[in-house]
Every structure is written in C-alpha cells, then in structure tokens.
Amino acid sequence: SAQQLDYFTEVDQSDHVAWIALSSDNAGQTGLGIARFIRLPHQ
C-alpha cells in the first residue's frame, strides 16, 4: 500500500535502517533484495 511504501522507504537510517541491493544493469536498476532492522522503543 502507499502507507507501507512510505514506511519502507522513508527511513532515518538510525532507528530504522534499510539497505537495498540493485542490479548494475545500465538499462535500468532492478531491486534484487532488501534488508532492514527497526529498533524496539522499549528495548
């Protein structure tokens, strides 16, 4: 959903860290994988 896409891509790279793996094809980059972690507020 639009809300999920906001959450997954608008990250602060501190409490919510996310990196994406992209193809290096000159014709256009394709997402190959993604990894993230989100700090627990209470821990």
PDB file of all heavy atoms in Angstrom:
ATOM      1  N   SER A   1       0.836  -1.194   0.000  1.00  0.00           N
ATOM      2  CA  SER A   1       0.000   0.000   0.000  1.00  0.00           C
ATOM      3  C   SER A   1       0.872   1.245   0.000  1.00  0.00           C
ATOM      4  O   SER A   1       2.090   1.180   0.255  1.00  0.00           O
ATOM      5  CB  SER A   1      -0.903   0.008   1.239  1.00  0.00           C
ATOM      6  OG  SER A   1      -0.126   0.171   2.419  1.00  0.00           O
ATOM      7  N   ALA A   2       0.269   2.387  -0.271  1.00  0.00           N
ATOM      8  CA  ALA A   2       1.008   3.654  -0.241  1.00  0.00           C
ATOM      9  C   ALA A   2       1.595   3.891   1.138  1.00  0.00           C
ATOM     10  O   ALA A   2       2.735   4.362   1.273  1.00  0.00           O
ATOM     11  CB  ALA A   2       0.082   4.803  -0.647  1.00  0.00           C
ATOM     12  N   GLN A   3       0.842   3.555   2.173  1.00  0.00           N
ATOM     13  CA  GLN A   3       1.332   3.733   3.544  1.00  0.00           C
ATOM     14  C   GLN A   3       2.516   2.820   3.828  1.00  0.00           C
ATOM     15  O   GLN A   3       3.497   3.231   4.457  1.00  0.00           O
ATOM     16  CB  GLN A   3       0.204   3.462   4.541  1.00  0.00           C
ATOM     17  CG  GLN A   3       0.586   3.722   5.994  1.00  0.00           C
ATOM     18  CD  GLN A   3      -0.567   3.495   6.958  1.00  0.00           C
ATOM     19  OE1 GLN A   3      -1.595   2.916   6.593  1.00  0.00           O
ATOM     20  NE2 GLN A   3      -0.415   3.959   8.188  1.00  0.00           N
ATOM     21  N   GLN A   4       2.457   1.582   3.351  1.00  0.00           N
ATOM     22  CA  GLN A   4       3.572   0.658   3.553  1.00  0.00           C
ATOM     23  C   GLN A   4       4.814   1.130   2.799  1.00  0.00           C
ATOM     24  O   GLN A   4       5.931   1.032   3.317  1.00  0.00           O
ATOM     25  CB  GLN A   4       3.169  -0.737   3.101  1.00  0.00           C
ATOM     26  CG  GLN A   4       2.189  -1.426   4.037  1.00  0.00           C
ATOM     27  CD  GLN A   4       1.664  -2.724   3.453  1.00  0.00           C
ATOM     28  OE1 GLN A   4       1.362  -2.813   2.255  1.00  0.00           O
ATOM     29  NE2 GLN A   4       1.548  -3.747   4.297  1.00  0.00           N
ATOM     30  N   LEU A   5       4.626   1.633   1.591  1.00  0.00           N
ATOM     31  CA  LEU A   5       5.766   2.131   0.820  1.00  0.00           C
ATOM     32  C   LEU A   5       6.411   3.329   1.515  1.00  0.00           C
ATOM     33  O   LEU A   5       7.639   3.458   1.510  1.00  0.00           O
ATOM     34  CB  LEU A   5       5.324   2.500  -0.596  1.00  0.00           C
ATOM     35  CG  LEU A   5       5.051   1.317  -1.526  1.00  0.00           C
ATOM     36  CD1 LEU A   5       4.397   1.796  -2.807  1.00  0.00           C
ATOM     37  CD2 LEU A   5       6.346   0.571  -1.836  1.00  0.00           C
ATOM     38  N   ASP A   6       5.601   4.195   2.103  1.00  0.00           N
ATOM     39  CA  ASP A   6       6.153   5.307   2.884  1.00  0.00           C
ATOM     40  C   ASP A   6       7.014   4.769   4.015  1.00  0.00           C
ATOM     41  O   ASP A   6       8.145   5.219   4.232  1.00  0.00           O
ATOM     42  CB  ASP A   6       5.022   6.163   3.468  1.00  0.00           C
ATOM     43  CG  ASP A   6       4.285   6.981   2.417  1.00  0.00           C
ATOM     44  OD1 ASP A   6       4.838   7.156   1.311  1.00  0.00           O
ATOM     45  OD2 ASP A   6       3.168   7.432   2.711  1.00  0.00           O
ATOM     46  N   TYR A   7       6.474   3.793   4.723  1.00  0.00           N
ATOM     47  CA  TYR A   7       7.160   3.240   5.901  1.00  0.00           C
ATOM     48  C   TYR A   7       8.461   2.541   5.502  1.00  0.00           C
ATOM     49  O   TYR A   7       9.477   2.671   6.187  1.00  0.00           O
ATOM     50  CB  TYR A   7       6.235   2.250   6.607  1.00  0.00           C
ATOM     51  CG  TYR A   7       6.817   1.646   7.860  1.00  0.00           C
ATOM     52  CD1 TYR A   7       6.951   2.401   9.019  1.00  0.00           C
ATOM     53  CD2 TYR A   7       7.234   0.314   7.885  1.00  0.00           C
ATOM     54  CE1 TYR A   7       7.488   1.842  10.176  1.00  0.00           C
ATOM     55  CE2 TYR A   7       7.765  -0.252   9.028  1.00  0.00           C
ATOM     56  CZ  TYR A   7       7.886   0.522  10.174  1.00  0.00           C
ATOM     57  OH  TYR A   7       8.417  -0.026  11.308  1.00  0.00           O
ATOM     58  N   PHE A   8       8.430   1.821   4.393  1.00  0.00           N
ATOM     59  CA  PHE A   8       9.597   1.041   3.982  1.00  0.00           C
ATOM     60  C   PHE A   8      10.689   1.880   3.316  1.00  0.00           C
ATOM     61  O   PHE A   8      11.840   1.438   3.242  1.00  0.00           O
ATOM     62  CB  PHE A   8       9.179  -0.081   3.032  1.00  0.00           C
ATOM     63  CG  PHE A   8       8.465  -1.213   3.705  1.00  0.00           C
ATOM     64  CD1 PHE A   8       7.410  -1.860   3.069  1.00  0.00           C
ATOM     65  CD2 PHE A   8       8.836  -1.647   4.964  1.00  0.00           C
ATOM     66  CE1 PHE A   8       6.746  -2.914   3.684  1.00  0.00           C
ATOM     67  CE2 PHE A   8       8.174  -2.690   5.600  1.00  0.00           C
ATOM     68  CZ  PHE A   8       7.128  -3.330   4.959  1.00  0.00           C
ATOM     69  N   THR A   9      10.366   3.054   2.826  1.00  0.00           N
ATOM     70  CA  THR A   9      11.362   3.844   2.092  1.00  0.00           C
ATOM     71  C   THR A   9      11.743   5.161   2.770  1.00  0.00           C
ATOM     72  O   THR A   9      12.777   5.729   2.445  1.00  0.00           O
ATOM     73  CB  THR A   9      10.870   4.156   0.667  1.00  0.00           C
ATOM     74  OG1 THR A   9       9.637   4.875   0.728  1.00  0.00           O
ATOM     75  CG2 THR A   9      10.667   2.874  -0.129  1.00  0.00           C
ATOM     76  N   GLU A  10      10.943   5.647   3.689  1.00  0.00           N
ATOM     77  CA  GLU A  10      11.263   6.888   4.396  1.00  0.00           C
ATOM     78  C   GLU A  10      11.832   6.517   5.765  1.00  0.00           C
ATOM     79  O   GLU A  10      11.148   6.568   6.791  1.00  0.00           O
ATOM     80  CB  GLU A  10      10.026   7.780   4.514  1.00  0.00           C
ATOM     81  CG  GLU A  10       9.496   8.239   3.157  1.00  0.00           C
ATOM     82  CD  GLU A  10       8.231   9.070   3.252  1.00  0.00           C
ATOM     83  OE1 GLU A  10       7.828   9.426   4.390  1.00  0.00           O
ATOM     84  OE2 GLU A  10       7.636   9.357   2.201  1.00  0.00           O
ATOM     85  N   VAL A  11      13.098   6.134   5.770  1.00  0.00           N
ATOM     86  CA  VAL A  11      13.749   5.620   6.981  1.00  0.00           C
ATOM     87  C   VAL A  11      14.827   6.595   7.440  1.00  0.00           C
ATOM     88  O   VAL A  11      15.401   7.334   6.643  1.00  0.00           O
ATOM     89  CB  VAL A  11      14.354   4.224   6.730  1.00  0.00           C
ATOM     90  CG1 VAL A  11      13.261   3.257   6.286  1.00  0.00           C
ATOM     91  CG2 VAL A  11      15.430   4.271   5.666  1.00  0.00           C
ATOM     92  N   ASP A  12      15.100   6.579   8.745  1.00  0.00           N
ATOM     93  CA  ASP A  12      16.067   7.537   9.295  1.00  0.00           C
ATOM     94  C   ASP A  12      17.492   6.993   9.310  1.00  0.00           C
ATOM     95  O   ASP A  12      18.428   7.709   9.650  1.00  0.00           O
ATOM     96  CB  ASP A  12      15.655   7.989  10.692  1.00  0.00           C
ATOM     97  CG  ASP A  12      15.573   6.847  11.710  1.00  0.00           C
ATOM     98  OD1 ASP A  12      16.070   5.732  11.414  1.00  0.00           O
ATOM     99  OD2 ASP A  12      15.024   7.063  12.800  1.00  0.00           O
ATOM    100  N   GLN A  13      17.682   5.710   8.984  1.00  0.00           N
ATOM    101  CA  GLN A  13      18.996   5.053   8.980  1.00  0.00           C
ATOM    102  C   GLN A  13      19.675   5.107  10.348  1.00  0.00           C
ATOM    103  O   GLN A  13      20.900   5.062  10.452  1.00  0.00           O
ATOM    104  CB  GLN A  13      19.917   5.654   7.902  1.00  0.00           C
ATOM    105  CG  GLN A  13      19.403   5.498   6.485  1.00  0.00           C
ATOM    106  CD  GLN A  13      19.308   4.059   6.011  1.00  0.00           C
ATOM    107  OE1 GLN A  13      19.786   3.140   6.664  1.00  0.00           O
ATOM    108  NE2 GLN A  13      18.682   3.851   4.866  1.00  0.00           N
ATOM    109  N   SER A  14      18.864   5.212  11.388  1.00  0.00           N
ATOM    110  CA  SER A  14      19.388   5.169  12.748  1.00  0.00           C
ATOM    111  C   SER A  14      18.578   4.168  13.568  1.00  0.00           C
ATOM    112  O   SER A  14      19.094   3.136  13.983  1.00  0.00           O
ATOM    113  CB  SER A  14      19.337   6.557  13.393  1.00  0.00           C
ATOM    114  OG  SER A  14      19.796   6.504  14.732  1.00  0.00           O
ATOM    115  N   ASP A  15      17.318   4.488  13.801  1.00  0.00           N
ATOM    116  CA  ASP A  15      16.434   3.543  14.478  1.00  0.00           C
ATOM    117  C   ASP A  15      15.767   2.602  13.477  1.00  0.00           C
ATOM    118  O   ASP A  15      15.332   1.517  13.843  1.00  0.00           O
ATOM    119  CB  ASP A  15      15.363   4.299  15.268  1.00  0.00           C
ATOM    120  CG  ASP A  15      15.955   5.068  16.434  1.00  0.00           C
ATOM    121  OD1 ASP A  15      16.970   4.617  16.996  1.00  0.00           O
ATOM    122  OD2 ASP A  15      15.421   6.138  16.769  1.00  0.00           O
ATOM    123  N   HIS A  16      15.643   3.049  12.259  1.00  0.00           N
ATOM    124  CA  HIS A  16      15.131   2.213  11.171  1.00  0.00           C
ATOM    125  C   HIS A  16      16.172   2.247  10.062  1.00  0.00           C
ATOM    126  O   HIS A  16      16.319   3.240   9.361  1.00  0.00           O
ATOM    127  CB  HIS A  16      13.779   2.755  10.678  1.00  0.00           C
ATOM    128  CG  HIS A  16      13.136   1.901   9.631  1.00  0.00           C
ATOM    129  ND1 HIS A  16      11.836   2.113   9.202  1.00  0.00           N
ATOM    130  CD2 HIS A  16      13.589   0.824   8.911  1.00  0.00           C
ATOM    131  CE1 HIS A  16      11.524   1.221   8.280  1.00  0.00           C
ATOM    132  NE2 HIS A  16      12.573   0.432   8.080  1.00  0.00           N
ATOM    133  N   VAL A  17      16.891   1.154   9.930  1.00  0.00           N
ATOM    134  CA  VAL A  17      17.989   1.057   8.963  1.00  0.00           C
ATOM    135  C   VAL A  17      17.569   0.113   7.848  1.00  0.00           C
ATOM    136  O   VAL A  17      17.047  -0.974   8.106  1.00  0.00           O
ATOM    137  CB  VAL A  17      19.266   0.541   9.650  1.00  0.00           C
ATOM    138  CG1 VAL A  17      20.356   0.244   8.629  1.00  0.00           C
ATOM    139  CG2 VAL A  17      19.765   1.551  10.680  1.00  0.00           C
ATOM    140  N   ALA A  18      17.790   0.518   6.616  1.00  0.00           N
ATOM    141  CA  ALA A  18      17.428  -0.335   5.482  1.00  0.00           C
ATOM    142  C   ALA A  18      18.398  -0.112   4.329  1.00  0.00           C
ATOM    143  O   ALA A  18      18.735   1.030   4.003  1.00  0.00           O
ATOM    144  CB  ALA A  18      15.991  -0.046   5.031  1.00  0.00           C
ATOM    145  N   TRP A  19      18.830  -1.212   3.719  1.00  0.00           N
ATOM    146  CA  TRP A  19      19.700  -1.173   2.541  1.00  0.00           C
ATOM    147  C   TRP A  19      19.073  -2.028   1.453  1.00  0.00           C
ATOM    148  O   TRP A  19      18.453  -3.054   1.734  1.00  0.00           O
ATOM    149  CB  TRP A  19      21.097  -1.688   2.880  1.00  0.00           C
ATOM    150  CG  TRP A  19      21.957  -0.665   3.566  1.00  0.00           C
ATOM    151  CD1 TRP A  19      21.751  -0.131   4.811  1.00  0.00           C
ATOM    152  CD2 TRP A  19      23.141  -0.053   3.063  1.00  0.00           C
ATOM    153  NE1 TRP A  19      22.745   0.776   5.105  1.00  0.00           N
ATOM    154  CE2 TRP A  19      23.599   0.841   4.049  1.00  0.00           C
ATOM    155  CE3 TRP A  19      23.850  -0.186   1.869  1.00  0.00           C
ATOM    156  CZ2 TRP A  19      24.741   1.606   3.878  1.00  0.00           C
ATOM    157  CZ3 TRP A  19      24.999   0.567   1.691  1.00  0.00           C
ATOM    158  CH2 TRP A  19      25.435   1.460   2.686  1.00  0.00           C
ATOM    159  N   ILE A  20      19.272  -1.608   0.229  1.00  0.00           N
ATOM    160  CA  ILE A  20      18.704  -2.303  -0.917  1.00  0.00           C
ATOM    161  C   ILE A  20      19.820  -2.770  -1.844  1.00  0.00           C
ATOM    162  O   ILE A  20      20.845  -2.100  -1.989  1.00  0.00           O
ATOM    163  CB  ILE A  20      17.712  -1.389  -1.667  1.00  0.00           C
ATOM    164  CG1 ILE A  20      16.928  -2.165  -2.722  1.00  0.00           C
ATOM    165  CG2 ILE A  20      18.415  -0.189  -2.284  1.00  0.00           C
ATOM    166  CD1 ILE A  20      15.757  -1.387  -3.298  1.00  0.00           C
ATOM    167  N   ALA A  21      19.622  -3.945  -2.427  1.00  0.00           N
ATOM    168  CA  ALA A  21      20.549  -4.482  -3.433  1.00  0.00           C
ATOM    169  C   ALA A  21      19.941  -4.235  -4.800  1.00  0.00           C
ATOM    170  O   ALA A  21      18.781  -4.564  -5.045  1.00  0.00           O
ATOM    171  CB  ALA A  21      20.774  -5.972  -3.204  1.00  0.00           C
ATOM    172  N   LEU A  22      20.736  -3.647  -5.692  1.00  0.00           N
ATOM    173  CA  LEU A  22      20.258  -3.269  -7.018  1.00  0.00           C
ATOM    174  C   LEU A  22      21.119  -3.893  -8.102  1.00  0.00           C
ATOM    175  O   LEU A  22      22.336  -4.030  -7.936  1.00  0.00           O
ATOM    176  CB  LEU A  22      20.288  -1.743  -7.170  1.00  0.00           C
ATOM    177  CG  LEU A  22      19.483  -0.925  -6.156  1.00  0.00           C
ATOM    178  CD1 LEU A  22      19.884   0.540  -6.222  1.00  0.00           C
ATOM    179  CD2 LEU A  22      17.996  -1.088  -6.412  1.00  0.00           C
ATOM    180  N   SER A  23      20.502  -4.243  -9.198  1.00  0.00           N
ATOM    181  CA  SER A  23      21.266  -4.722 -10.338  1.00  0.00           C
ATOM    182  C   SER A  23      22.072  -3.561 -10.897  1.00  0.00           C
ATOM    183  O   SER A  23      21.687  -2.401 -10.762  1.00  0.00           O
ATOM    184  CB  SER A  23      20.335  -5.279 -11.423  1.00  0.00           C
ATOM    185  OG  SER A  23      19.575  -4.220 -12.000  1.00  0.00           O
ATOM    186  N   SER A  24      23.185  -3.869 -11.521  1.00  0.00           N
ATOM    187  CA  SER A  24      24.032  -2.828 -12.109  1.00  0.00           C
ATOM    188  C   SER A  24      23.814  -2.726 -13.615  1.00  0.00           C
ATOM    189  O   SER A  24      24.663  -2.221 -14.337  1.00  0.00           O
ATOM    190  CB  SER A  24      25.510  -3.110 -11.810  1.00  0.00           C
ATOM    191  OG  SER A  24      25.875  -4.396 -12.273  1.00  0.00           O
ATOM    192  N   ASP A  25      22.672  -3.211 -14.081  1.00  0.00           N
ATOM    193  CA  ASP A  25      22.327  -3.177 -15.494  1.00  0.00           C
ATOM    194  C   ASP A  25      22.122  -1.734 -15.946  1.00  0.00           C
ATOM    195  O   ASP A  25      21.326  -0.992 -15.366  1.00  0.00           O
ATOM    196  CB  ASP A  25      21.052  -3.983 -15.728  1.00  0.00           C
ATOM    197  CG  ASP A  25      20.705  -4.109 -17.206  1.00  0.00           C
ATOM    198  OD1 ASP A  25      21.378  -3.466 -18.028  1.00  0.00           O
ATOM    199  OD2 ASP A  25      19.770  -4.853 -17.522  1.00  0.00           O
ATOM    200  N   ASN A  26      22.835  -1.328 -16.962  1.00  0.00           N
ATOM    201  CA  ASN A  26      22.727   0.048 -17.445  1.00  0.00           C
ATOM    202  C   ASN A  26      21.345   0.369 -18.009  1.00  0.00           C
ATOM    203  O   ASN A  26      20.968   1.534 -18.136  1.00  0.00           O
ATOM    204  CB  ASN A  26      23.791   0.324 -18.515  1.00  0.00           C
ATOM    205  CG  ASN A  26      25.195   0.310 -17.939  1.00  0.00           C
ATOM    206  OD1 ASN A  26      25.389   0.648 -16.786  1.00  0.00           O
ATOM    207  ND2 ASN A  26      26.163  -0.093 -18.740  1.00  0.00           N
ATOM    208  N   ALA A  27      20.589  -0.669 -18.348  1.00  0.00           N
ATOM    209  CA  ALA A  27      19.264  -0.436 -18.915  1.00  0.00           C
ATOM    210  C   ALA A  27      18.269   0.050 -17.869  1.00  0.00           C
ATOM    211  O   ALA A  27      17.194   0.524 -18.185  1.00  0.00           O
ATOM    212  CB  ALA A  27      18.745  -1.712 -19.564  1.00  0.00           C
ATOM    213  N   GLY A  28      18.611  -0.060 -16.621  1.00  0.00           N
ATOM    214  CA  GLY A  28      17.714   0.354 -15.546  1.00  0.00           C
ATOM    215  C   GLY A  28      17.905  -0.532 -14.331  1.00  0.00           C
ATOM    216  O   GLY A  28      18.024  -1.746 -14.466  1.00  0.00           O
ATOM    217  N   GLN A  29      17.949   0.057 -13.152  1.00  0.00           N
ATOM    218  CA  GLN A  29      18.214  -0.714 -11.954  1.00  0.00           C
ATOM    219  C   GLN A  29      16.967  -1.470 -11.511  1.00  0.00           C
ATOM    220  O   GLN A  29      15.855  -0.952 -11.520  1.00  0.00           O
ATOM    221  CB  GLN A  29      18.705   0.203 -10.842  1.00  0.00           C
ATOM    222  CG  GLN A  29      20.117   0.721 -11.066  1.00  0.00           C
ATOM    223  CD  GLN A  29      20.662   1.439  -9.855  1.00  0.00           C
ATOM    224  OE1 GLN A  29      19.951   2.188  -9.198  1.00  0.00           O
ATOM    225  NE2 GLN A  29      21.924   1.220  -9.555  1.00  0.00           N
ATOM    226  N   THR A  30      17.190  -2.705 -11.101  1.00  0.00           N
ATOM    227  CA  THR A  30      16.131  -3.569 -10.601  1.00  0.00           C
ATOM    228  C   THR A  30      16.442  -3.937  -9.164  1.00  0.00           C
ATOM    229  O   THR A  30      17.598  -4.224  -8.832  1.00  0.00           O
ATOM    230  CB  THR A  30      16.027  -4.852 -11.451  1.00  0.00           C
ATOM    231  OG1 THR A  30      15.751  -4.500 -12.808  1.00  0.00           O
ATOM    232  CG2 THR A  30      14.931  -5.766 -10.927  1.00  0.00           C
ATOM    233  N   GLY A  31      15.447  -3.939  -8.316  1.00  0.00           N
ATOM    234  CA  GLY A  31      15.651  -4.345  -6.935  1.00  0.00           C
ATOM    235  C   GLY A  31      15.815  -5.848  -6.829  1.00  0.00           C
ATOM    236  O   GLY A  31      14.989  -6.612  -7.331  1.00  0.00           O
ATOM    237  N   LEU A  32      16.896  -6.281  -6.207  1.00  0.00           N
ATOM    238  CA  LEU A  32      17.182  -7.705  -6.071  1.00  0.00           C
ATOM    239  C   LEU A  32      16.930  -8.217  -4.662  1.00  0.00           C
ATOM    240  O   LEU A  32      16.668  -9.399  -4.465  1.00  0.00           O
ATOM    241  CB  LEU A  32      18.645  -7.979  -6.441  1.00  0.00           C
ATOM    242  CG  LEU A  32      19.121  -7.448  -7.790  1.00  0.00           C
ATOM    243  CD1 LEU A  32      20.588  -7.768  -7.999  1.00  0.00           C
ATOM    244  CD2 LEU A  32      18.275  -8.003  -8.924  1.00  0.00           C
ATOM    245  N   GLY A  33      17.023  -7.327  -3.695  1.00  0.00           N
ATOM    246  CA  GLY A  33      16.819  -7.723  -2.311  1.00  0.00           C
ATOM    247  C   GLY A  33      16.872  -6.514  -1.413  1.00  0.00           C
ATOM    248  O   GLY A  33      17.350  -5.442  -1.812  1.00  0.00           O
ATOM    249  N   ILE A  34      16.386  -6.674  -0.214  1.00  0.00           N
ATOM    250  CA  ILE A  34      16.389  -5.569   0.739  1.00  0.00           C
ATOM    251  C   ILE A  34      16.512  -6.139   2.145  1.00  0.00           C
ATOM    252  O   ILE A  34      16.021  -7.236   2.432  1.00  0.00           O
ATOM    253  CB  ILE A  34      15.108  -4.719   0.581  1.00  0.00           C
ATOM    254  CG1 ILE A  34      15.249  -3.370   1.268  1.00  0.00           C
ATOM    255  CG2 ILE A  34      13.886  -5.467   1.066  1.00  0.00           C
ATOM    256  CD1 ILE A  34      14.190  -2.365   0.853  1.00  0.00           C
ATOM    257  N   ALA A  35      17.217  -5.422   3.001  1.00  0.00           N
ATOM    258  CA  ALA A  35      17.402  -5.836   4.383  1.00  0.00           C
ATOM    259  C   ALA A  35      17.188  -4.633   5.278  1.00  0.00           C
ATOM    260  O   ALA A  35      17.591  -3.517   4.938  1.00  0.00           O
ATOM    261  CB  ALA A  35      18.801  -6.419   4.586  1.00  0.00           C
ATOM    262  N   ARG A  36      16.556  -4.866   6.416  1.00  0.00           N
ATOM    263  CA  ARG A  36      16.301  -3.750   7.329  1.00  0.00           C
ATOM    264  C   ARG A  36      16.235  -4.230   8.772  1.00  0.00           C
ATOM    265  O   ARG A  36      16.007  -5.413   9.032  1.00  0.00           O
ATOM    266  CB  ARG A  36      14.993  -3.048   6.970  1.00  0.00           C
ATOM    267  CG  ARG A  36      13.729  -3.814   7.257  1.00  0.00           C
ATOM    268  CD  ARG A  36      12.460  -3.042   6.876  1.00  0.00           C
ATOM    269  NE  ARG A  36      12.344  -2.872   5.446  1.00  0.00           N
ATOM    270  CZ  ARG A  36      12.435  -1.679   4.821  1.00  0.00           C
ATOM    271  NH1 ARG A  36      12.597  -0.586   5.531  1.00  0.00           N
ATOM    272  NH2 ARG A  36      12.319  -1.616   3.502  1.00  0.00           N
ATOM    273  N   PHE A  37      16.463  -3.312   9.689  1.00  0.00           N
ATOM    274  CA  PHE A  37      16.137  -3.580  11.080  1.00  0.00           C
ATOM    275  C   PHE A  37      15.524  -2.331  11.686  1.00  0.00           C
ATOM    276  O   PHE A  37      15.779  -1.207  11.243  1.00  0.00           O
ATOM    277  CB  PHE A  37      17.340  -4.079  11.899  1.00  0.00           C
ATOM    278  CG  PHE A  37      18.464  -3.095  12.111  1.00  0.00           C
ATOM    279  CD1 PHE A  37      18.345  -2.015  12.977  1.00  0.00           C
ATOM    280  CD2 PHE A  37      19.690  -3.291  11.476  1.00  0.00           C
ATOM    281  CE1 PHE A  37      19.401  -1.138  13.193  1.00  0.00           C
ATOM    282  CE2 PHE A  37      20.754  -2.414  11.682  1.00  0.00           C
ATOM    283  CZ  PHE A  37      20.604  -1.342  12.547  1.00  0.00           C
ATOM    284  N   ILE A  38      14.673  -2.549  12.690  1.00  0.00           N
ATOM    285  CA  ILE A  38      13.957  -1.469  13.358  1.00  0.00           C
ATOM    286  C   ILE A  38      14.161  -1.635  14.861  1.00  0.00           C
ATOM    287  O   ILE A  38      13.811  -2.672  15.440  1.00  0.00           O
ATOM    288  CB  ILE A  38      12.462  -1.497  13.005  1.00  0.00           C
ATOM    289  CG1 ILE A  38      12.275  -1.363  11.493  1.00  0.00           C
ATOM    290  CG2 ILE A  38      11.712  -0.380  13.740  1.00  0.00           C
ATOM    291  CD1 ILE A  38      10.859  -1.619  11.020  1.00  0.00           C
ATOM    292  N   ARG A  39      14.728  -0.619  15.465  1.00  0.00           N
ATOM    293  CA  ARG A  39      14.992  -0.657  16.903  1.00  0.00           C
ATOM    294  C   ARG A  39      13.678  -0.700  17.694  1.00  0.00           C
ATOM    295  O   ARG A  39      12.713   0.024  17.377  1.00  0.00           O
ATOM    296  CB  ARG A  39      15.792   0.590  17.302  1.00  0.00           C
ATOM    297  CG  ARG A  39      16.403   0.531  18.690  1.00  0.00           C
ATOM    298  CD  ARG A  39      16.992   1.886  19.087  1.00  0.00           C
ATOM    299  NE  ARG A  39      17.941   2.388  18.104  1.00  0.00           N
ATOM    300  CZ  ARG A  39      19.253   2.167  18.145  1.00  0.00           C
ATOM    301  NH1 ARG A  39      19.759   1.434  19.121  1.00  0.00           N
ATOM    302  NH2 ARG A  39      20.047   2.695  17.228  1.00  0.00           N
ATOM    303  N   LEU A  40      13.633  -1.529  18.722  1.00  0.00           N
ATOM    304  CA  LEU A  40      12.446  -1.606  19.560  1.00  0.00           C
ATOM    305  C   LEU A  40      12.450  -0.454  20.558  1.00  0.00           C
ATOM    306  O   LEU A  40      13.419  -0.292  21.308  1.00  0.00           O
ATOM    307  CB  LEU A  40      12.404  -2.937  20.311  1.00  0.00           C
ATOM    308  CG  LEU A  40      12.341  -4.211  19.449  1.00  0.00           C
ATOM    309  CD1 LEU A  40      12.258  -5.438  20.334  1.00  0.00           C
ATOM    310  CD2 LEU A  40      11.152  -4.160  18.509  1.00  0.00           C
ATOM    311  N   PRO A  41      11.396   0.343  20.609  1.00  0.00           N
ATOM    312  CA  PRO A  41      11.375   1.503  21.504  1.00  0.00           C
ATOM    313  C   PRO A  41      11.582   1.139  22.977  1.00  0.00           C
ATOM    314  O   PRO A  41      12.255   1.857  23.713  1.00  0.00           O
ATOM    315  CB  PRO A  41       9.981   2.106  21.272  1.00  0.00           C
ATOM    316  CG  PRO A  41       9.577   1.618  19.924  1.00  0.00           C
ATOM    317  CD  PRO A  41      10.167   0.242  19.796  1.00  0.00           C
ATOM    318  N   HIS A  42      11.015   0.013  23.400  1.00  0.00           N
ATOM    319  CA  HIS A  42      11.107  -0.387  24.806  1.00  0.00           C
ATOM    320  C   HIS A  42      12.361  -1.203  25.101  1.00  0.00           C
ATOM    321  O   HIS A  42      12.657  -1.483  26.260  1.00  0.00           O
ATOM    322  CB  HIS A  42       9.870  -1.195  25.199  1.00  0.00           C
ATOM    323  CG  HIS A  42       9.664  -2.433  24.381  1.00  0.00           C
ATOM    324  ND1 HIS A  42       9.277  -2.390  23.056  1.00  0.00           N
ATOM    325  CD2 HIS A  42       9.814  -3.754  24.696  1.00  0.00           C
ATOM    326  CE1 HIS A  42       9.177  -3.627  22.591  1.00  0.00           C
ATOM    327  NE2 HIS A  42       9.509  -4.464  23.549  1.00  0.00           N
ATOM    328  N   GLN A  43      13.088  -1.592  24.059  1.00  0.00           N
ATOM    329  CA  GLN A  43      14.366  -2.308  24.202  1.00  0.00           C
ATOM    330  C   GLN A  43      15.343  -1.726  23.181  1.00  0.00           C
ATOM    331  O   GLN A  43      15.578  -2.318  22.133  1.00  0.00           O
ATOM    332  CB  GLN A  43      14.190  -3.809  23.971  1.00  0.00           C
ATOM    333  CG  GLN A  43      13.374  -4.536  25.010  1.00  0.00           C
ATOM    334  CD  GLN A  43      13.230  -6.010  24.682  1.00  0.00           C
ATOM    335  OE1 GLN A  43      12.399  -6.412  23.867  1.00  0.00           O
ATOM    336  NE2 GLN A  43      14.062  -6.831  25.323  1.00  0.00           N
TER     337      GLN A  43
END
